[in-house]
């Protein structure tokens, strides 16, 4: 399960950390007619965000529980219960 999520300061990236010890990185995909996701209230709605996984980071041995971005989106740090 997901234990922590953080948007990058610019809003371009999203990171998630979980109990599988992985950190996943996503980038925001630009809207187009063909990739819009319908909402429950209005199936024809274009008010949706699409996030695409760009990287899976493996290196922790136990739950990844915390994330922090550098102010310029250049670095992401993660912490884990394994203290590695």
C-alpha atoms as a PDB file:
ATOM      1  CA  UNK A   1       0.000   0.000   0.000  1.00  0.00           C
ATOM      2  CA  UNK A   2       1.018   3.618  -0.468  1.00  0.00           C
ATOM      3  CA  UNK A   3       2.421   5.176   2.702  1.00  0.00           C
ATOM      4  CA  UNK A   4       3.488   8.602   1.425  1.00  0.00           C
ATOM      5  CA  UNK A   5       2.990  10.818  -1.640  1.00  0.00           C
ATOM      6  CA  UNK A   6       4.631  14.126  -2.559  1.00  0.00           C
ATOM      7  CA  UNK A   7       4.159  16.480  -5.496  1.00  0.00           C
ATOM      8  CA  UNK A   8       7.296  18.218  -6.722  1.00  0.00           C
ATOM      9  CA  UNK A   9       7.391  21.976  -6.071  1.00  0.00           C
ATOM     10  CA  UNK A  10       6.665  22.731  -9.744  1.00  0.00           C
ATOM     11  CA  UNK A  11       3.747  20.259  -9.840  1.00  0.00           C
ATOM     12  CA  UNK A  12       5.347  18.404 -12.757  1.00  0.00           C
ATOM     13  CA  UNK A  13       6.201  15.224 -10.840  1.00  0.00           C
ATOM     14  CA  UNK A  14       4.545  13.016  -8.258  1.00  0.00           C
ATOM     15  CA  UNK A  15       6.373  10.505  -6.066  1.00  0.00           C
ATOM     16  CA  UNK A  16       4.891   7.722  -3.975  1.00  0.00           C
ATOM     17  CA  UNK A  17       6.488   5.446  -1.389  1.00  0.00           C
ATOM     18  CA  UNK A  18       5.044   2.211  -0.124  1.00  0.00           C
ATOM     19  CA  UNK A  19       5.210  -0.850   2.030  1.00  0.00           C
ATOM     20  CA  UNK A  20       6.779  -2.754  -0.875  1.00  0.00           C
ATOM     21  CA  UNK A  21       9.959  -0.646  -0.285  1.00  0.00           C
ATOM     22  CA  UNK A  22       9.644   0.963  -3.738  1.00  0.00           C
ATOM     23  CA  UNK A  23       9.524   4.642  -4.646  1.00  0.00           C
ATOM     24  CA  UNK A  24       7.549   5.369  -7.819  1.00  0.00           C
ATOM     25  CA  UNK A  25       7.958   8.533  -9.893  1.00  0.00           C
ATOM     26  CA  UNK A  26       5.232   9.881 -12.181  1.00  0.00           C
ATOM     27  CA  UNK A  27       5.091  12.795 -14.583  1.00  0.00           C
ATOM     28  CA  UNK A  28       2.002  14.717 -15.546  1.00  0.00           C
ATOM     29  CA  UNK A  29       0.804  13.969 -19.065  1.00  0.00           C
ATOM     30  CA  UNK A  30      -0.616  16.822 -21.104  1.00  0.00           C
ATOM     31  CA  UNK A  31      -4.307  16.732 -21.961  1.00  0.00           C
ATOM     32  CA  UNK A  32      -5.600  15.595 -25.306  1.00  0.00           C
ATOM     33  CA  UNK A  33      -8.956  14.382 -26.534  1.00  0.00           C
ATOM     34  CA  UNK A  34      -7.704  10.821 -26.538  1.00  0.00           C
ATOM     35  CA  UNK A  35      -6.349  10.581 -22.999  1.00  0.00           C
ATOM     36  CA  UNK A  36      -9.020  12.343 -20.930  1.00  0.00           C
ATOM     37  CA  UNK A  37     -10.527  10.432 -18.044  1.00  0.00           C
ATOM     38  CA  UNK A  38     -14.236  10.867 -17.450  1.00  0.00           C
ATOM     39  CA  UNK A  39     -15.456  11.939 -14.019  1.00  0.00           C
ATOM     40  CA  UNK A  40     -18.374  10.359 -12.190  1.00  0.00           C
ATOM     41  CA  UNK A  41     -20.429  13.571 -12.333  1.00  0.00           C
ATOM     42  CA  UNK A  42     -19.931  14.337 -16.024  1.00  0.00           C
ATOM     43  CA  UNK A  43     -18.746  11.590 -18.393  1.00  0.00           C
ATOM     44  CA  UNK A  44     -17.892  14.170 -21.065  1.00  0.00           C
ATOM     45  CA  UNK A  45     -15.685  16.154 -18.660  1.00  0.00           C
ATOM     46  CA  UNK A  46     -12.133  17.072 -19.675  1.00  0.00           C
ATOM     47  CA  UNK A  47     -11.251  18.153 -16.125  1.00  0.00           C
ATOM     48  CA  UNK A  48      -8.885  15.295 -15.381  1.00  0.00           C
ATOM     49  CA  UNK A  49      -5.182  14.797 -14.811  1.00  0.00           C
ATOM     50  CA  UNK A  50      -3.247  11.886 -16.243  1.00  0.00           C
ATOM     51  CA  UNK A  51      -0.079  10.712 -14.524  1.00  0.00           C
ATOM     52  CA  UNK A  52       2.350   8.290 -16.174  1.00  0.00           C
ATOM     53  CA  UNK A  53       4.877   6.253 -14.212  1.00  0.00           C
ATOM     54  CA  UNK A  54       8.361   7.115 -15.393  1.00  0.00           C
ATOM     55  CA  UNK A  55      10.584   5.313 -12.913  1.00  0.00           C
ATOM     56  CA  UNK A  56      10.542   2.675 -10.165  1.00  0.00           C
ATOM     57  CA  UNK A  57      13.294   3.119  -7.593  1.00  0.00           C
ATOM     58  CA  UNK A  58      14.363   0.062  -5.630  1.00  0.00           C
ATOM     59  CA  UNK A  59      16.934   0.147  -2.870  1.00  0.00           C
ATOM     60  CA  UNK A  60      15.200  -0.002   0.477  1.00  0.00           C
ATOM     61  CA  UNK A  61      14.752  -3.282   2.321  1.00  0.00           C
ATOM     62  CA  UNK A  62      11.699  -2.310   4.377  1.00  0.00           C
ATOM     63  CA  UNK A  63       8.744   0.069   4.014  1.00  0.00           C
ATOM     64  CA  UNK A  64       9.532   3.377   2.313  1.00  0.00           C
ATOM     65  CA  UNK A  65       7.762   5.887   4.550  1.00  0.00           C
ATOM     66  CA  UNK A  66       8.909   9.398   3.665  1.00  0.00           C
ATOM     67  CA  UNK A  67       9.724  11.589   0.668  1.00  0.00           C
ATOM     68  CA  UNK A  68      11.051  15.122   0.128  1.00  0.00           C
ATOM     69  CA  UNK A  69      11.775  17.087  -3.064  1.00  0.00           C
ATOM     70  CA  UNK A  70      14.510  19.662  -3.631  1.00  0.00           C
ATOM     71  CA  UNK A  71      13.029  23.143  -4.244  1.00  0.00           C
ATOM     72  CA  UNK A  72      13.974  22.979  -7.957  1.00  0.00           C
ATOM     73  CA  UNK A  73      12.680  19.396  -8.561  1.00  0.00           C
ATOM     74  CA  UNK A  74      16.270  18.215  -9.185  1.00  0.00           C
ATOM     75  CA  UNK A  75      16.447  15.668  -6.355  1.00  0.00           C
ATOM     76  CA  UNK A  76      14.116  13.420  -4.404  1.00  0.00           C
ATOM     77  CA  UNK A  77      15.092  11.800  -1.121  1.00  0.00           C
ATOM     78  CA  UNK A  78      13.333   8.886   0.500  1.00  0.00           C
ATOM     79  CA  UNK A  79      13.519   7.310   3.932  1.00  0.00           C
ATOM     80  CA  UNK A  80      12.686   3.842   5.044  1.00  0.00           C
ATOM     81  CA  UNK A  81      12.242   1.790   8.183  1.00  0.00           C
ATOM     82  CA  UNK A  82      15.455  -0.054   7.263  1.00  0.00           C
ATOM     83  CA  UNK A  83      17.558   3.118   7.809  1.00  0.00           C
ATOM     84  CA  UNK A  84      19.616   2.365   4.646  1.00  0.00           C
END
